[in-house]
Amino acid sequence: MKKILLPILALLYTHFSLAQNTLSVIVTDANTQETLIGASISLKGATIGASTDENGFALISGIPDGLQSIVISYIGYEK
């Protein structure tokens, strides 16, 4: 059986506060718009991250200054 990966996650809402170095996101499926519970969000190359709650929401604080990349992973989806 061939496994089909669903489209990459869509970030419906993101907010980055430069004063607090905080990122808040809501992670949803790009096709169905359903929130994804337990998705993993992390900063690329760092040990900072969070998992989404029952509403697809996650908050990451203490983000280092400068340009950062985030990685979102969820079983059955591409990063």
PDB file of N, CA and C in Angstrom:
ATOM      1  N   MET A   1       0.836  -1.169   0.000  1.00  0.00           N
ATOM      2  CA  MET A   1       0.000   0.000   0.000  1.00  0.00           C
ATOM      3  C   MET A   1       0.888   1.242   0.000  1.00  0.00           C
ATOM      4  N   LYS A   2       0.616   2.166  -0.871  1.00  0.00           N
ATOM      5  CA  LYS A   2       1.391   3.394  -0.985  1.00  0.00           C
ATOM      6  C   LYS A   2       0.843   4.440  -0.022  1.00  0.00           C
ATOM      7  N   LYS A   3       1.726   5.026   0.752  1.00  0.00           N
ATOM      8  CA  LYS A   3       1.312   6.055   1.702  1.00  0.00           C
ATOM      9  C   LYS A   3       1.351   7.410   1.016  1.00  0.00           C
ATOM     10  N   ILE A   4       0.278   8.147   1.121  1.00  0.00           N
ATOM     11  CA  ILE A   4       0.192   9.474   0.517  1.00  0.00           C
ATOM     12  C   ILE A   4       0.329  10.505   1.631  1.00  0.00           C
ATOM     13  N   LEU A   5       1.277  11.406   1.478  1.00  0.00           N
ATOM     14  CA  LEU A   5       1.457  12.455   2.462  1.00  0.00           C
ATOM     15  C   LEU A   5       0.504  13.603   2.157  1.00  0.00           C
ATOM     16  N   LEU A   6      -0.128  14.081   3.192  1.00  0.00           N
ATOM     17  CA  LEU A   6      -1.037  15.208   3.040  1.00  0.00           C
ATOM     18  C   LEU A   6      -0.239  16.485   2.825  1.00  0.00           C
ATOM     19  N   PRO A   7      -0.859  17.503   2.260  1.00  0.00           N
ATOM     20  CA  PRO A   7      -0.139  18.765   2.029  1.00  0.00           C
ATOM     21  C   PRO A   7       0.443  19.336   3.311  1.00  0.00           C
ATOM     22  N   ILE A   8       1.468  20.111   3.132  1.00  0.00           N
ATOM     23  CA  ILE A   8       2.153  20.710   4.273  1.00  0.00           C
ATOM     24  C   ILE A   8       1.177  21.529   5.105  1.00  0.00           C
ATOM     25  N   LEU A   9       1.467  21.622   6.376  1.00  0.00           N
ATOM     26  CA  LEU A   9       0.596  22.320   7.311  1.00  0.00           C
ATOM     27  C   LEU A   9       0.478  23.795   6.963  1.00  0.00           C
ATOM     28  N   ALA A  10      -0.681  24.337   7.197  1.00  0.00           N
ATOM     29  CA  ALA A  10      -0.891  25.767   6.986  1.00  0.00           C
ATOM     30  C   ALA A  10      -0.884  26.466   8.326  1.00  0.00           C
ATOM     31  N   LEU A  11      -0.209  27.565   8.399  1.00  0.00           N
ATOM     32  CA  LEU A  11      -0.241  28.383   9.602  1.00  0.00           C
ATOM     33  C   LEU A  11      -1.295  29.460   9.371  1.00  0.00           C
ATOM     34  N   LEU A  12      -2.431  29.293   9.984  1.00  0.00           N
ATOM     35  CA  LEU A  12      -3.498  30.272   9.807  1.00  0.00           C
ATOM     36  C   LEU A  12      -3.210  31.550  10.566  1.00  0.00           C
ATOM     37  N   TYR A  13      -2.545  31.414  11.688  1.00  0.00           N
ATOM     38  CA  TYR A  13      -2.317  32.580  12.520  1.00  0.00           C
ATOM     39  C   TYR A  13      -0.918  32.514  13.097  1.00  0.00           C
ATOM     40  N   THR A  14      -0.147  33.533  12.857  1.00  0.00           N
ATOM     41  CA  THR A  14       1.156  33.615  13.504  1.00  0.00           C
ATOM     42  C   THR A  14       1.326  35.020  14.057  1.00  0.00           C
ATOM     43  N   HIS A  15       2.021  35.116  15.150  1.00  0.00           N
ATOM     44  CA  HIS A  15       2.273  36.407  15.753  1.00  0.00           C
ATOM     45  C   HIS A  15       3.651  36.363  16.375  1.00  0.00           C
ATOM     46  N   PHE A  16       4.493  37.309  16.000  1.00  0.00           N
ATOM     47  CA  PHE A  16       5.839  37.370  16.552  1.00  0.00           C
ATOM     48  C   PHE A  16       6.017  38.711  17.222  1.00  0.00           C
ATOM     49  N   SER A  17       6.316  38.692  18.479  1.00  0.00           N
ATOM     50  CA  SER A  17       6.509  39.912  19.249  1.00  0.00           C
ATOM     51  C   SER A  17       7.999  40.128  19.440  1.00  0.00           C
ATOM     52  N   LEU A  18       8.544  41.157  18.808  1.00  0.00           N
ATOM     53  CA  LEU A  18       9.978  41.416  18.911  1.00  0.00           C
ATOM     54  C   LEU A  18      10.387  41.779  20.329  1.00  0.00           C
ATOM     55  N   ALA A  19       9.510  42.448  21.057  1.00  0.00           N
ATOM     56  CA  ALA A  19       9.848  42.854  22.409  1.00  0.00           C
ATOM     57  C   ALA A  19       9.985  41.653  23.335  1.00  0.00           C
ATOM     58  N   GLN A  20       9.172  40.641  23.131  1.00  0.00           N
ATOM     59  CA  GLN A  20       9.179  39.492  24.019  1.00  0.00           C
ATOM     60  C   GLN A  20       9.855  38.270  23.404  1.00  0.00           C
ATOM     61  N   ASN A  21      10.250  38.338  22.147  1.00  0.00           N
ATOM     62  CA  ASN A  21      10.833  37.203  21.436  1.00  0.00           C
ATOM     63  C   ASN A  21       9.972  35.962  21.603  1.00  0.00           C
ATOM     64  N   THR A  22       8.685  36.123  21.286  1.00  0.00           N
ATOM     65  CA  THR A  22       7.697  35.064  21.449  1.00  0.00           C
ATOM     66  C   THR A  22       6.983  34.818  20.121  1.00  0.00           C
ATOM     67  N   LEU A  23       6.722  33.554  19.835  1.00  0.00           N
ATOM     68  CA  LEU A  23       5.992  33.173  18.633  1.00  0.00           C
ATOM     69  C   LEU A  23       4.759  32.388  19.054  1.00  0.00           C
ATOM     70  N   SER A  24       3.590  32.793  18.564  1.00  0.00           N
ATOM     71  CA  SER A  24       2.380  32.015  18.816  1.00  0.00           C
ATOM     72  C   SER A  24       1.806  31.591  17.471  1.00  0.00           C
ATOM     73  N   VAL A  25       1.373  30.339  17.390  1.00  0.00           N
ATOM     74  CA  VAL A  25       0.859  29.790  16.132  1.00  0.00           C
ATOM     75  C   VAL A  25      -0.373  28.933  16.393  1.00  0.00           C
ATOM     76  N   ILE A  26      -1.205  28.835  15.372  1.00  0.00           N
ATOM     77  CA  ILE A  26      -2.270  27.846  15.328  1.00  0.00           C
ATOM     78  C   ILE A  26      -2.006  27.024  14.074  1.00  0.00           C
ATOM     79  N   VAL A  27      -1.868  25.710  14.241  1.00  0.00           N
ATOM     80  CA  VAL A  27      -1.514  24.827  13.133  1.00  0.00           C
ATOM     81  C   VAL A  27      -2.768  24.094  12.665  1.00  0.00           C
ATOM     82  N   THR A  28      -3.011  24.152  11.346  1.00  0.00           N
ATOM     83  CA  THR A  28      -4.179  23.497  10.764  1.00  0.00           C
ATOM     84  C   THR A  28      -3.779  22.718   9.520  1.00  0.00           C
ATOM     85  N   ASP A  29      -4.636  21.809   9.119  1.00  0.00           N
ATOM     86  CA  ASP A  29      -4.478  21.099   7.854  1.00  0.00           C
ATOM     87  C   ASP A  29      -4.820  22.076   6.725  1.00  0.00           C
ATOM     88  N   ALA A  30      -3.982  22.132   5.707  1.00  0.00           N
ATOM     89  CA  ALA A  30      -4.181  23.082   4.610  1.00  0.00           C
ATOM     90  C   ALA A  30      -5.458  22.813   3.830  1.00  0.00           C
ATOM     91  N   ASN A  31      -5.899  21.569   3.744  1.00  0.00           N
ATOM     92  CA  ASN A  31      -7.093  21.236   2.971  1.00  0.00           C
ATOM     93  C   ASN A  31      -8.380  21.328   3.780  1.00  0.00           C
ATOM     94  N   THR A  32      -8.373  20.766   4.976  1.00  0.00           N
ATOM     95  CA  THR A  32      -9.604  20.668   5.760  1.00  0.00           C
ATOM     96  C   THR A  32      -9.777  21.806   6.755  1.00  0.00           C
ATOM     97  N   GLN A  33      -8.716  22.547   7.022  1.00  0.00           N
ATOM     98  CA  GLN A  33      -8.698  23.627   8.015  1.00  0.00           C
ATOM     99  C   GLN A  33      -8.905  23.124   9.442  1.00  0.00           C
ATOM    100  N   GLU A  34      -8.820  21.814   9.662  1.00  0.00           N
ATOM    101  CA  GLU A  34      -8.923  21.266  11.008  1.00  0.00           C
ATOM    102  C   GLU A  34      -7.627  21.536  11.771  1.00  0.00           C
ATOM    103  N   THR A  35      -7.764  21.878  13.046  1.00  0.00           N
ATOM    104  CA  THR A  35      -6.568  22.098  13.858  1.00  0.00           C
ATOM    105  C   THR A  35      -5.890  20.767  14.146  1.00  0.00           C
ATOM    106  N   LEU A  36      -4.582  20.802  14.282  1.00  0.00           N
ATOM    107  CA  LEU A  36      -3.800  19.589  14.517  1.00  0.00           C
ATOM    108  C   LEU A  36      -3.286  19.576  15.948  1.00  0.00           C
ATOM    109  N   ILE A  37      -3.792  18.645  16.718  1.00  0.00           N
ATOM    110  CA  ILE A  37      -3.428  18.500  18.119  1.00  0.00           C
ATOM    111  C   ILE A  37      -2.112  17.725  18.215  1.00  0.00           C
ATOM    112  N   GLY A  38      -1.161  18.254  18.968  1.00  0.00           N
ATOM    113  CA  GLY A  38       0.102  17.561  19.187  1.00  0.00           C
ATOM    114  C   GLY A  38       1.135  17.744  18.098  1.00  0.00           C
ATOM    115  N   ALA A  39       0.928  18.726  17.208  1.00  0.00           N
ATOM    116  CA  ALA A  39       1.954  19.022  16.201  1.00  0.00           C
ATOM    117  C   ALA A  39       3.173  19.598  16.925  1.00  0.00           C
ATOM    118  N   SER A  40       4.353  19.296  16.427  1.00  0.00           N
ATOM    119  CA  SER A  40       5.591  19.752  17.041  1.00  0.00           C
ATOM    120  C   SER A  40       6.125  20.958  16.280  1.00  0.00           C
ATOM    121  N   ILE A  41       6.385  22.042  16.993  1.00  0.00           N
ATOM    122  CA  ILE A  41       6.955  23.247  16.399  1.00  0.00           C
ATOM    123  C   ILE A  41       8.300  23.488  17.073  1.00  0.00           C
ATOM    124  N   SER A  42       9.340  23.675  16.273  1.00  0.00           N
ATOM    125  CA  SER A  42      10.662  23.917  16.852  1.00  0.00           C
ATOM    126  C   SER A  42      11.433  24.906  15.990  1.00  0.00           C
ATOM    127  N   LEU A  43      12.442  25.516  16.600  1.00  0.00           N
ATOM    128  CA  LEU A  43      13.341  26.390  15.850  1.00  0.00           C
ATOM    129  C   LEU A  43      14.416  25.523  15.218  1.00  0.00           C
ATOM    130  N   LYS A  44      14.653  25.721  13.945  1.00  0.00           N
ATOM    131  CA  LYS A  44      15.654  24.934  13.236  1.00  0.00           C
ATOM    132  C   LYS A  44      17.026  25.174  13.857  1.00  0.00           C
ATOM    133  N   GLY A  45      17.685  24.087  14.225  1.00  0.00           N
ATOM    134  CA  GLY A  45      19.023  24.170  14.786  1.00  0.00           C
ATOM    135  C   GLY A  45      19.075  24.574  16.251  1.00  0.00           C
ATOM    136  N   ALA A  46      17.929  24.589  16.926  1.00  0.00           N
ATOM    137  CA  ALA A  46      17.896  24.974  18.339  1.00  0.00           C
ATOM    138  C   ALA A  46      17.109  23.932  19.133  1.00  0.00           C
ATOM    139  N   THR A  47      17.156  24.063  20.433  1.00  0.00           N
ATOM    140  CA  THR A  47      16.421  23.136  21.292  1.00  0.00           C
ATOM    141  C   THR A  47      15.124  23.743  21.811  1.00  0.00           C
ATOM    142  N   ILE A  48      14.718  24.872  21.261  1.00  0.00           N
ATOM    143  CA  ILE A  48      13.486  25.547  21.677  1.00  0.00           C
ATOM    144  C   ILE A  48      12.327  25.042  20.838  1.00  0.00           C
ATOM    145  N   GLY A  49      11.208  24.735  21.490  1.00  0.00           N
ATOM    146  CA  GLY A  49      10.046  24.270  20.747  1.00  0.00           C
ATOM    147  C   GLY A  49       8.836  24.096  21.630  1.00  0.00           C
ATOM    148  N   ALA A  50       7.742  23.642  21.020  1.00  0.00           N
ATOM    149  CA  ALA A  50       6.487  23.417  21.743  1.00  0.00           C
ATOM    150  C   ALA A  50       5.625  22.466  20.929  1.00  0.00           C
ATOM    151  N   SER A  51       4.570  21.969  21.552  1.00  0.00           N
ATOM    152  CA  SER A  51       3.572  21.140  20.875  1.00  0.00           C
ATOM    153  C   SER A  51       2.233  21.856  20.933  1.00  0.00           C
ATOM    154  N   THR A  52       1.397  21.635  19.929  1.00  0.00           N
ATOM    155  CA  THR A  52       0.093  22.289  19.903  1.00  0.00           C
ATOM    156  C   THR A  52      -0.870  21.638  20.894  1.00  0.00           C
ATOM    157  N   ASP A  53      -1.778  22.446  21.413  1.00  0.00           N
ATOM    158  CA  ASP A  53      -2.776  21.957  22.362  1.00  0.00           C
ATOM    159  C   ASP A  53      -4.025  21.477  21.621  1.00  0.00           C
ATOM    160  N   GLU A  54      -5.124  21.272  22.360  1.00  0.00           N
ATOM    161  CA  GLU A  54      -6.358  20.754  21.760  1.00  0.00           C
ATOM    162  C   GLU A  54      -6.998  21.724  20.759  1.00  0.00           C
ATOM    163  N   ASN A  55      -6.527  22.983  20.732  1.00  0.00           N
ATOM    164  CA  ASN A  55      -7.025  23.969  19.775  1.00  0.00           C
ATOM    165  C   ASN A  55      -6.036  24.225  18.644  1.00  0.00           C
ATOM    166  N   GLY A  56      -4.956  23.445  18.584  1.00  0.00           N
ATOM    167  CA  GLY A  56      -3.930  23.630  17.567  1.00  0.00           C
ATOM    168  C   GLY A  56      -2.992  24.777  17.865  1.00  0.00           C
ATOM    169  N   PHE A  57      -3.043  25.320  19.086  1.00  0.00           N
ATOM    170  CA  PHE A  57      -2.271  26.490  19.474  1.00  0.00           C
ATOM    171  C   PHE A  57      -0.971  26.090  20.163  1.00  0.00           C
ATOM    172  N   ALA A  58       0.092  26.843  19.867  1.00  0.00           N
ATOM    173  CA  ALA A  58       1.375  26.660  20.560  1.00  0.00           C
ATOM    174  C   ALA A  58       2.035  28.008  20.753  1.00  0.00           C
ATOM    175  N   LEU A  59       2.799  28.120  21.812  1.00  0.00           N
ATOM    176  CA  LEU A  59       3.510  29.342  22.146  1.00  0.00           C
ATOM    177  C   LEU A  59       4.960  28.989  22.439  1.00  0.00           C
ATOM    178  N   ILE A  60       5.876  29.698  21.789  1.00  0.00           N
ATOM    179  CA  ILE A  60       7.305  29.495  22.022  1.00  0.00           C
ATOM    180  C   ILE A  60       7.878  30.822  22.499  1.00  0.00           C
ATOM    181  N   SER A  61       8.518  30.819  23.655  1.00  0.00           N
ATOM    182  CA  SER A  61       9.123  32.022  24.225  1.00  0.00           C
ATOM    183  C   SER A  61      10.641  31.867  24.263  1.00  0.00           C
ATOM    184  N   GLY A  62      11.318  32.977  24.444  1.00  0.00           N
ATOM    185  CA  GLY A  62      12.772  32.951  24.573  1.00  0.00           C
ATOM    186  C   GLY A  62      13.496  32.716  23.265  1.00  0.00           C
ATOM    187  N   ILE A  63      12.898  33.164  22.184  1.00  0.00           N
ATOM    188  CA  ILE A  63      13.514  32.983  20.861  1.00  0.00           C
ATOM    189  C   ILE A  63      14.710  33.933  20.735  1.00  0.00           C
ATOM    190  N   PRO A  64      15.860  33.414  20.309  1.00  0.00           N
ATOM    191  CA  PRO A  64      17.038  34.274  20.152  1.00  0.00           C
ATOM    192  C   PRO A  64      16.795  35.362  19.102  1.00  0.00           C
ATOM    193  N   ASP A  65      17.468  36.489  19.267  1.00  0.00           N
ATOM    194  CA  ASP A  65      17.387  37.564  18.285  1.00  0.00           C
ATOM    195  C   ASP A  65      17.926  37.088  16.944  1.00  0.00           C
ATOM    196  N   GLY A  66      17.470  37.719  15.880  1.00  0.00           N
ATOM    197  CA  GLY A  66      17.939  37.396  14.542  1.00  0.00           C
ATOM    198  C   GLY A  66      16.922  36.582  13.760  1.00  0.00           C
ATOM    199  N   LEU A  67      17.261  36.296  12.529  1.00  0.00           N
ATOM    200  CA  LEU A  67      16.400  35.532  11.632  1.00  0.00           C
ATOM    201  C   LEU A  67      16.349  34.072  12.078  1.00  0.00           C
ATOM    202  N   GLN A  68      15.150  33.541  12.219  1.00  0.00           N
ATOM    203  CA  GLN A  68      14.961  32.165  12.668  1.00  0.00           C
ATOM    204  C   GLN A  68      14.065  31.425  11.677  1.00  0.00           C
ATOM    205  N   SER A  69      14.254  30.131  11.573  1.00  0.00           N
ATOM    206  CA  SER A  69      13.378  29.267  10.781  1.00  0.00           C
ATOM    207  C   SER A  69      12.663  28.328  11.733  1.00  0.00           C
ATOM    208  N   ILE A  70      11.367  28.097  11.464  1.00  0.00           N
ATOM    209  CA  ILE A  70      10.639  27.144  12.293  1.00  0.00           C
ATOM    210  C   ILE A  70      10.346  25.888  11.484  1.00  0.00           C
ATOM    211  N   VAL A  71      10.276  24.776  12.191  1.00  0.00           N
ATOM    212  CA  VAL A  71       9.960  23.487  11.589  1.00  0.00           C
ATOM    213  C   VAL A  71       8.705  22.966  12.285  1.00  0.00           C
ATOM    214  N   ILE A  72       7.707  22.570  11.494  1.00  0.00           N
ATOM    215  CA  ILE A  72       6.495  21.998  12.039  1.00  0.00           C
ATOM    216  C   ILE A  72       6.408  20.571  11.556  1.00  0.00           C
ATOM    217  N   SER A  73       6.221  19.646  12.492  1.00  0.00           N
ATOM    218  CA  SER A  73       6.105  18.249  12.105  1.00  0.00           C
ATOM    219  C   SER A  73       4.881  17.624  12.768  1.00  0.00           C
ATOM    220  N   TYR A  74       4.291  16.681  12.039  1.00  0.00           N
ATOM    221  CA  TYR A  74       3.094  15.971  12.499  1.00  0.00           C
ATOM    222  C   TYR A  74       3.057  14.660  11.750  1.00  0.00           C
ATOM    223  N   ILE A  75       2.760  13.583  12.425  1.00  0.00           N
ATOM    224  CA  ILE A  75       2.766  12.258  11.797  1.00  0.00           C
ATOM    225  C   ILE A  75       1.831  12.245  10.596  1.00  0.00           C
ATOM    226  N   GLY A  76       2.332  11.762   9.460  1.00  0.00           N
ATOM    227  CA  GLY A  76       1.555  11.676   8.233  1.00  0.00           C
ATOM    228  C   GLY A  76       1.654  12.900   7.339  1.00  0.00           C
ATOM    229  N   TYR A  77       2.348  13.950   7.794  1.00  0.00           N
ATOM    230  CA  TYR A  77       2.505  15.173   7.035  1.00  0.00           C
ATOM    231  C   TYR A  77       3.978  15.396   6.725  1.00  0.00           C
ATOM    232  N   GLU A  78       4.249  16.133   5.665  1.00  0.00           N
ATOM    233  CA  GLU A  78       5.614  16.556   5.371  1.00  0.00           C
ATOM    234  C   GLU A  78       5.994  17.670   6.323  1.00  0.00           C
ATOM    235  N   LYS A  79       7.281  17.784   6.661  1.00  0.00           N
ATOM    236  CA  LYS A  79       7.735  18.892   7.510  1.00  0.00           C
ATOM    237  C   LYS A  79       7.616  20.192   6.758  1.00  0.00           C
TER     238      LYS A  79
END
